[in-house]
Amino acid sequence: MMVKAQLPRIGLGMAALGRPGYINLDRSSIFGTEQRSVETMQAAANRVMDTLIQSMDFPWLDCARSYGLSEKFVGEYLRSNKVPPEKVYVSSKWGYTYVADWKVSLESPDSKHEIKDHSTENFLKQVQETNEYLGEYIDLYQIHSATFDSGILEDTRAHKALATCRKERGWKLGLSVSGPDQNKVIRAAQKIRAGVKGENDQALFDSVQCTFNLLEQRPAEALREASNAGMDIIIKEGLANGRVLRHPRVLEYAQELGCQADQLALSFILAQDFAPRVLSGAVTSEQLASNLKAMDVAKKLRDDSKLMQEIGQACVVKSEDYWNERSALAWN
């Protein structure tokens, strides 16, 4: 088992590659406006995974049951390319079911692309589905978007089922968080114990996957606390679904540092003192190659903490405003 410091620092998130529609900005400029078939999206995913495998000594892929066919795409890619399980890090999530019928957008504004269910029964169902697609490759299995409202933080039956999964399968356990109360959920999650024989006093969660970026910085202190407690910190939506790339101050600072806006945004995360790992949301090989260069820019920011603080203060927005704007993004 790899220790935290050895885990890959940048991985590929499959949210925008495993299904035809997502809320990232300007998807039509890449995928066009015509129907995006399963074959088209799988071919696009394979090209980006090719770039990841070729660029990283130890590549990392992050899926979810609700990311369309992401687990199928990743499992088929790794097996067809004969990638040994010990040579790749794979994480996935349970808790949502994809119901968009492979459509980019839905006719009714009240229709949902995915349905949330954090019940023990759904976990037991979805863990079997994930195992079918990715079984020998899974390293980390996460609750998808844990919230106080879903009940998962108080559900001791679900906690025991999760802990049993870790004990029997050897998969690490995590949770992803979203919304303006991410910091509160992270702190609550740290208090949950496994509650199964031999692991009663062990923390249930080994990692947390959180939205943190130049715009949304509220969770920083909670992530610092979680890191100090030994949790693996994973950051999603580092480019704020593309919104960061349009921010005038981000563009100004990127020019000043001689890098691209995506590299500055991801480097700001990588340079944080809570030692985060970051997911790229790239959907082309060119985007991923650019994202991976953020490691070099992060060193510049770590060496100039005053500049890093200045950039952060120039770009941050109120958390509630951030999430309100995100909820208004259209599937495209």
Protein backbone atom coordinates (compact mmCIF):
# COMPACT_ATOMS: atom_id res chain seq x y z
CA MET A 1 0.00 0.00 0.00
CA MET A 2 1.44 3.37 -1.01
CA VAL A 3 1.89 6.02 1.65
CA LYS A 4 0.20 9.39 1.20
CA ALA A 5 3.35 11.21 0.03
CA GLN A 6 3.81 8.71 -2.84
CA LEU A 7 0.35 9.10 -4.32
CA PRO A 8 0.03 10.88 -7.70
CA ARG A 9 -0.43 14.65 -7.32
CA ILE A 10 -2.52 15.20 -10.46
CA GLY A 11 -5.14 12.81 -11.77
CA LEU A 12 -7.82 12.72 -14.44
CA GLY A 13 -11.43 13.13 -13.35
CA MET A 14 -13.92 11.43 -15.66
CA ALA A 15 -16.99 13.58 -14.91
CA ALA A 16 -16.82 15.36 -18.28
CA LEU A 17 -15.68 12.35 -20.33
CA GLY A 18 -17.96 9.59 -19.13
CA ARG A 19 -21.22 11.11 -20.42
CA PRO A 20 -22.30 13.37 -23.28
CA GLY A 21 -23.41 16.35 -21.20
CA TYR A 22 -21.90 18.21 -18.26
CA ILE A 23 -21.90 21.73 -16.80
CA ASN A 24 -18.36 22.70 -17.85
CA LEU A 25 -18.39 25.77 -20.07
CA ASP A 26 -18.11 25.59 -23.87
CA ARG A 27 -18.29 21.83 -24.36
CA SER A 28 -19.81 22.35 -27.82
CA SER A 29 -16.57 23.96 -29.01
CA ILE A 30 -14.88 20.59 -28.44
CA PHE A 31 -17.59 18.00 -28.99
CA GLY A 32 -19.79 19.92 -31.42
CA THR A 33 -23.55 20.30 -31.27
CA GLU A 34 -24.49 16.97 -32.88
CA GLN A 35 -25.48 13.86 -30.94
CA ARG A 36 -22.51 12.55 -28.96
CA SER A 37 -22.63 8.78 -29.22
CA VAL A 38 -21.20 6.37 -26.69
CA GLU A 39 -18.51 5.50 -29.22
CA THR A 40 -17.59 9.18 -29.70
CA MET A 41 -17.25 9.83 -25.97
CA GLN A 42 -15.34 6.60 -25.34
CA ALA A 43 -12.89 7.46 -28.13
CA ALA A 44 -12.39 10.93 -26.61
CA ALA A 45 -11.85 9.39 -23.18
CA ASN A 46 -9.35 6.90 -24.58
CA ARG A 47 -7.30 9.67 -26.20
CA VAL A 48 -7.04 11.59 -22.92
CA MET A 49 -6.23 8.42 -20.99
CA ASP A 50 -3.50 7.68 -23.53
CA THR A 51 -1.95 11.05 -22.73
CA LEU A 52 -2.23 10.46 -18.99
CA ILE A 53 -0.62 7.02 -19.17
CA GLN A 54 2.19 8.34 -21.36
CA SER A 55 2.81 11.40 -19.16
CA MET A 56 2.68 9.95 -15.64
CA ASP A 57 4.81 7.28 -14.01
CA PHE A 58 1.86 6.42 -11.78
CA PRO A 59 -1.40 7.62 -13.39
CA TRP A 60 -4.60 8.26 -11.43
CA LEU A 61 -8.18 8.07 -12.73
CA ASP A 62 -11.30 9.15 -10.80
CA CYS A 63 -14.77 7.87 -11.73
CA ALA A 64 -18.27 7.70 -10.25
CA ARG A 65 -21.31 5.52 -10.75
CA SER A 66 -23.16 8.63 -11.95
CA TYR A 67 -20.53 9.78 -14.44
CA GLY A 68 -22.37 8.01 -17.24
CA LEU A 69 -20.18 5.13 -18.45
CA SER A 70 -16.95 6.35 -16.82
CA GLU A 71 -16.29 3.12 -14.93
CA LYS A 72 -16.91 1.06 -18.06
CA PHE A 73 -14.62 3.29 -20.14
CA VAL A 74 -11.80 3.18 -17.60
CA GLY A 75 -12.07 -0.55 -16.92
CA GLU A 76 -12.10 -1.45 -20.60
CA TYR A 77 -9.19 0.90 -21.32
CA LEU A 78 -6.98 -0.45 -18.55
CA ARG A 79 -7.69 -4.09 -19.37
CA SER A 80 -7.34 -3.70 -23.14
CA ASN A 81 -4.01 -1.93 -22.63
CA LYS A 82 -2.93 -4.57 -20.10
CA VAL A 83 -2.18 -1.97 -17.41
CA PRO A 84 -1.32 -3.87 -14.19
CA PRO A 85 -3.45 -2.79 -11.19
CA GLU A 86 -0.32 -1.96 -9.21
CA LYS A 87 0.75 0.53 -11.90
CA VAL A 88 -2.32 2.78 -11.72
CA TYR A 89 -4.40 4.46 -9.00
CA VAL A 90 -8.17 4.32 -9.50
CA SER A 91 -10.86 5.95 -7.38
CA SER A 92 -14.61 5.95 -7.81
CA LYS A 93 -17.78 7.03 -6.00
CA TRP A 94 -21.20 5.71 -5.10
CA GLY A 95 -24.38 7.51 -4.09
CA TYR A 96 -25.82 8.86 -7.35
CA THR A 97 -27.39 7.00 -10.26
CA TYR A 98 -27.11 8.34 -13.81
CA VAL A 99 -30.61 8.68 -15.34
CA ALA A 100 -30.15 11.06 -18.30
CA ASP A 101 -30.47 8.30 -20.93
CA TRP A 102 -27.32 9.51 -22.70
CA LYS A 103 -28.74 12.94 -23.46
CA VAL A 104 -26.74 16.18 -23.38
CA SER A 105 -29.57 18.21 -21.87
CA LEU A 106 -33.06 17.35 -20.69
CA GLU A 107 -36.31 18.91 -21.92
CA SER A 108 -37.75 19.83 -18.54
CA PRO A 109 -35.77 22.11 -16.21
CA ASP A 110 -37.03 19.95 -13.34
CA SER A 111 -35.61 16.75 -14.84
CA LYS A 112 -32.46 15.31 -13.26
CA HIS A 113 -29.36 13.87 -14.84
CA GLU A 114 -28.59 11.90 -11.69
CA ILE A 115 -30.53 10.80 -8.61
CA LYS A 116 -29.01 10.78 -5.14
CA ASP A 117 -29.46 7.85 -2.75
CA HIS A 118 -27.12 7.37 0.20
CA SER A 119 -28.96 4.39 1.65
CA THR A 120 -27.13 1.25 2.70
CA GLU A 121 -29.13 -0.69 0.10
CA ASN A 122 -27.89 1.57 -2.69
CA PHE A 123 -24.32 1.29 -1.47
CA LEU A 124 -24.51 -2.52 -1.50
CA LYS A 125 -25.95 -2.38 -5.03
CA GLN A 126 -23.48 0.13 -6.42
CA VAL A 127 -20.38 -1.39 -4.84
CA GLN A 128 -21.17 -4.58 -6.78
CA GLU A 129 -21.57 -2.58 -9.99
CA THR A 130 -18.27 -0.79 -9.45
CA ASN A 131 -16.58 -4.08 -8.66
CA GLU A 132 -17.85 -5.52 -11.95
CA TYR A 133 -16.31 -2.69 -13.97
CA LEU A 134 -13.20 -1.85 -11.97
CA GLY A 135 -12.80 -4.44 -9.22
CA GLU A 136 -9.11 -5.30 -9.38
CA TYR A 137 -8.17 -1.66 -10.05
CA ILE A 138 -10.06 0.18 -7.28
CA ASP A 139 -7.91 1.80 -4.59
CA LEU A 140 -10.39 4.29 -3.14
CA TYR A 141 -14.20 4.24 -2.93
CA GLN A 142 -15.96 7.46 -1.97
CA ILE A 143 -19.43 8.63 -0.94
CA HIS A 144 -20.53 10.99 -3.69
CA SER A 145 -21.41 14.44 -2.33
CA ALA A 146 -22.01 13.67 1.33
CA THR A 147 -24.28 16.23 3.01
CA PHE A 148 -26.13 16.58 6.29
CA ASP A 149 -29.44 16.35 4.41
CA SER A 150 -28.69 12.96 2.83
CA GLY A 151 -28.41 11.32 6.25
CA ILE A 152 -25.19 9.47 5.45
CA LEU A 153 -23.21 11.19 8.22
CA GLU A 154 -25.51 9.75 10.91
CA ASP A 155 -26.30 6.37 9.34
CA THR A 156 -24.35 3.87 11.47
CA ARG A 157 -25.66 0.94 9.40
CA ALA A 158 -24.15 2.48 6.28
CA HIS A 159 -20.93 3.22 8.18
CA LYS A 160 -20.58 -0.43 9.14
CA ALA A 161 -21.23 -1.52 5.55
CA LEU A 162 -18.53 0.85 4.35
CA ALA A 163 -16.05 -0.31 6.98
CA THR A 164 -16.77 -3.93 6.10
CA CYS A 165 -16.06 -3.12 2.45
CA ARG A 166 -12.67 -1.67 3.41
CA LYS A 167 -11.86 -4.68 5.59
CA GLU A 168 -12.92 -7.30 3.04
CA ARG A 169 -11.86 -5.65 -0.22
CA GLY A 170 -8.89 -3.59 0.93
CA TRP A 171 -10.32 -0.41 -0.65
CA LYS A 172 -9.68 2.89 1.08
CA LEU A 173 -12.79 4.89 1.98
CA GLY A 174 -13.50 8.54 1.25
CA LEU A 175 -16.24 11.07 0.79
CA SER A 176 -16.70 13.94 -1.63
CA VAL A 177 -18.34 17.17 -0.50
CA SER A 178 -20.06 20.06 -2.26
CA GLY A 179 -21.82 23.30 -1.41
CA PRO A 180 -21.14 26.21 0.94
CA ASP A 181 -21.10 23.89 3.99
CA GLN A 182 -18.21 21.74 2.76
CA ASN A 183 -16.09 22.79 5.74
CA LYS A 184 -18.77 21.70 8.23
CA VAL A 185 -19.26 18.33 6.54
CA ILE A 186 -15.50 17.67 6.52
CA ARG A 187 -15.27 18.35 10.24
CA ALA A 188 -18.27 16.14 10.98
CA ALA A 189 -16.88 13.31 8.84
CA GLN A 190 -13.58 13.29 10.75
CA LYS A 191 -15.42 12.28 13.92
CA ILE A 192 -17.02 9.15 12.45
CA ARG A 193 -15.48 5.84 13.53
CA ALA A 194 -15.54 2.55 11.62
CA GLY A 195 -17.52 0.67 14.25
CA VAL A 196 -16.66 -2.87 13.13
CA LYS A 197 -14.71 -5.57 14.91
CA GLY A 198 -11.02 -4.82 14.89
CA GLU A 199 -11.56 -1.27 13.60
CA ASN A 200 -13.92 0.23 16.19
CA ASP A 201 -11.74 3.25 16.93
CA GLN A 202 -10.37 3.70 13.41
CA ALA A 203 -11.56 6.74 11.46
CA LEU A 204 -14.08 5.69 8.83
CA PHE A 205 -12.76 7.98 6.12
CA ASP A 206 -9.25 7.87 4.69
CA SER A 207 -9.76 10.80 2.31
CA VAL A 208 -11.95 13.73 1.37
CA GLN A 209 -12.61 15.10 -2.12
CA CYS A 210 -13.54 18.77 -1.96
CA THR A 211 -14.15 21.75 -4.24
CA PHE A 212 -11.42 24.31 -3.62
CA ASN A 213 -10.10 26.79 -6.17
CA LEU A 214 -9.17 30.43 -6.71
CA LEU A 215 -12.83 31.43 -6.40
CA GLU A 216 -14.03 29.08 -3.65
CA GLN A 217 -11.57 29.10 -0.75
CA ARG A 218 -13.81 28.66 2.31
CA PRO A 219 -12.83 25.01 3.01
CA ALA A 220 -9.10 25.79 3.39
CA GLU A 221 -8.91 25.60 7.18
CA ALA A 222 -11.06 22.46 7.39
CA LEU A 223 -8.85 20.82 4.75
CA ARG A 224 -5.79 21.80 6.75
CA GLU A 225 -7.26 20.15 9.84
CA ALA A 226 -8.16 17.02 7.87
CA SER A 227 -4.67 16.80 6.39
CA ASN A 228 -3.11 17.14 9.84
CA ALA A 229 -5.36 14.30 11.00
CA GLY A 230 -3.93 12.08 8.27
CA MET A 231 -6.64 12.31 5.61
CA ASP A 232 -5.73 12.29 1.93
CA ILE A 233 -6.91 15.61 0.46
CA ILE A 234 -8.29 15.51 -3.09
CA ILE A 235 -9.42 18.67 -4.89
CA LYS A 236 -12.06 18.66 -7.63
CA GLU A 237 -13.29 21.47 -9.87
CA GLY A 238 -9.97 23.26 -9.70
CA LEU A 239 -10.99 25.38 -12.68
CA ALA A 240 -14.51 26.00 -11.34
CA ASN A 241 -16.07 24.31 -14.40
CA GLY A 242 -14.16 26.77 -16.61
CA ARG A 243 -15.17 29.96 -14.81
CA VAL A 244 -11.66 30.55 -13.48
CA LEU A 245 -10.33 30.71 -17.04
CA ARG A 246 -12.47 33.80 -17.73
CA HIS A 247 -11.51 35.69 -14.57
CA PRO A 248 -9.61 38.87 -15.59
CA ARG A 249 -7.26 38.78 -12.59
CA VAL A 250 -6.37 35.15 -13.25
CA LEU A 251 -5.49 36.07 -16.83
CA GLU A 252 -3.37 39.02 -15.62
CA TYR A 253 -1.42 36.98 -13.08
CA ALA A 254 -0.91 34.12 -15.54
CA GLN A 255 0.63 36.54 -18.01
CA GLU A 256 2.84 37.95 -15.27
CA LEU A 257 4.06 34.44 -14.37
CA GLY A 258 4.47 33.38 -17.99
CA CYS A 259 2.01 30.49 -17.80
CA GLN A 260 -1.49 29.59 -18.93
CA ALA A 261 -4.55 30.41 -16.82
CA ASP A 262 -5.31 26.73 -16.15
CA GLN A 263 -1.76 26.17 -14.93
CA LEU A 264 -1.97 29.11 -12.53
CA ALA A 265 -5.34 27.96 -11.17
CA LEU A 266 -4.18 24.40 -10.53
CA SER A 267 -0.80 25.51 -9.17
CA PHE A 268 -2.56 27.69 -6.59
CA ILE A 269 -4.17 24.50 -5.28
CA LEU A 270 -1.06 22.32 -5.47
CA ALA A 271 0.95 24.91 -3.53
CA GLN A 272 -1.42 24.85 -0.52
CA ASP A 273 0.02 23.70 2.78
CA PHE A 274 -2.62 20.98 3.23
CA ALA A 275 -0.78 18.90 0.59
CA PRO A 276 -3.67 18.35 -1.81
CA ARG A 277 -3.89 16.10 -4.82
CA VAL A 278 -5.77 17.63 -7.75
CA LEU A 279 -8.08 16.24 -10.39
CA SER A 280 -7.87 17.59 -13.91
CA GLY A 281 -11.19 17.84 -15.74
CA ALA A 282 -9.52 17.80 -19.14
CA VAL A 283 -11.46 16.46 -22.12
CA THR A 284 -8.65 16.72 -24.69
CA SER A 285 -5.03 15.63 -24.66
CA GLU A 286 -3.97 19.24 -25.13
CA GLN A 287 -5.90 20.36 -22.06
CA LEU A 288 -4.41 17.58 -19.94
CA ALA A 289 -0.86 18.31 -21.13
CA SER A 290 -1.32 21.94 -20.15
CA ASN A 291 -2.83 21.02 -16.76
CA LEU A 292 0.11 18.76 -15.92
CA LYS A 293 2.52 21.70 -16.24
CA ALA A 294 0.91 23.22 -13.14
CA MET A 295 3.41 21.32 -10.99
CA ASP A 296 6.20 23.62 -12.22
CA VAL A 297 4.17 26.78 -11.56
CA ALA A 298 3.26 25.52 -8.07
CA LYS A 299 6.94 25.58 -7.12
CA LYS A 300 7.09 29.27 -8.03
CA LEU A 301 4.13 30.01 -5.78
CA ARG A 302 5.50 27.99 -2.89
CA ASP A 303 8.71 30.01 -3.19
CA ASP A 304 6.77 33.31 -3.17
CA SER A 305 4.07 33.01 -0.50
CA LYS A 306 3.35 36.74 -0.65
CA LEU A 307 2.44 36.53 -4.36
CA MET A 308 0.38 33.41 -3.74
CA GLN A 309 -1.60 35.18 -1.01
CA GLU A 310 -2.07 38.21 -3.24
CA ILE A 311 -3.46 36.08 -6.08
CA GLY A 312 -5.82 34.28 -3.74
CA GLN A 313 -7.18 37.48 -2.25
CA ALA A 314 -7.66 39.03 -5.70
CA CYS A 315 -9.80 36.14 -6.97
CA VAL A 316 -11.82 34.77 -4.03
CA VAL A 317 -15.61 35.19 -3.98
CA LYS A 318 -18.22 34.55 -1.31
CA SER A 319 -18.91 30.85 -1.04
CA GLU A 320 -22.67 31.28 -1.33
CA ASP A 321 -22.23 33.30 -4.54
CA TYR A 322 -19.93 30.66 -5.96
CA TRP A 323 -22.40 27.85 -5.42
CA ASN A 324 -25.39 29.87 -6.61
CA GLU A 325 -23.59 30.57 -9.86
CA ARG A 326 -22.57 26.94 -10.21
CA SER A 327 -26.14 25.75 -9.75
CA ALA A 328 -27.19 28.00 -12.65
CA LEU A 329 -24.71 26.44 -15.12
CA ALA A 330 -26.44 24.65 -17.99
CA TRP A 331 -25.73 21.11 -19.05
CA ASN A 332 -24.17 21.31 -22.51
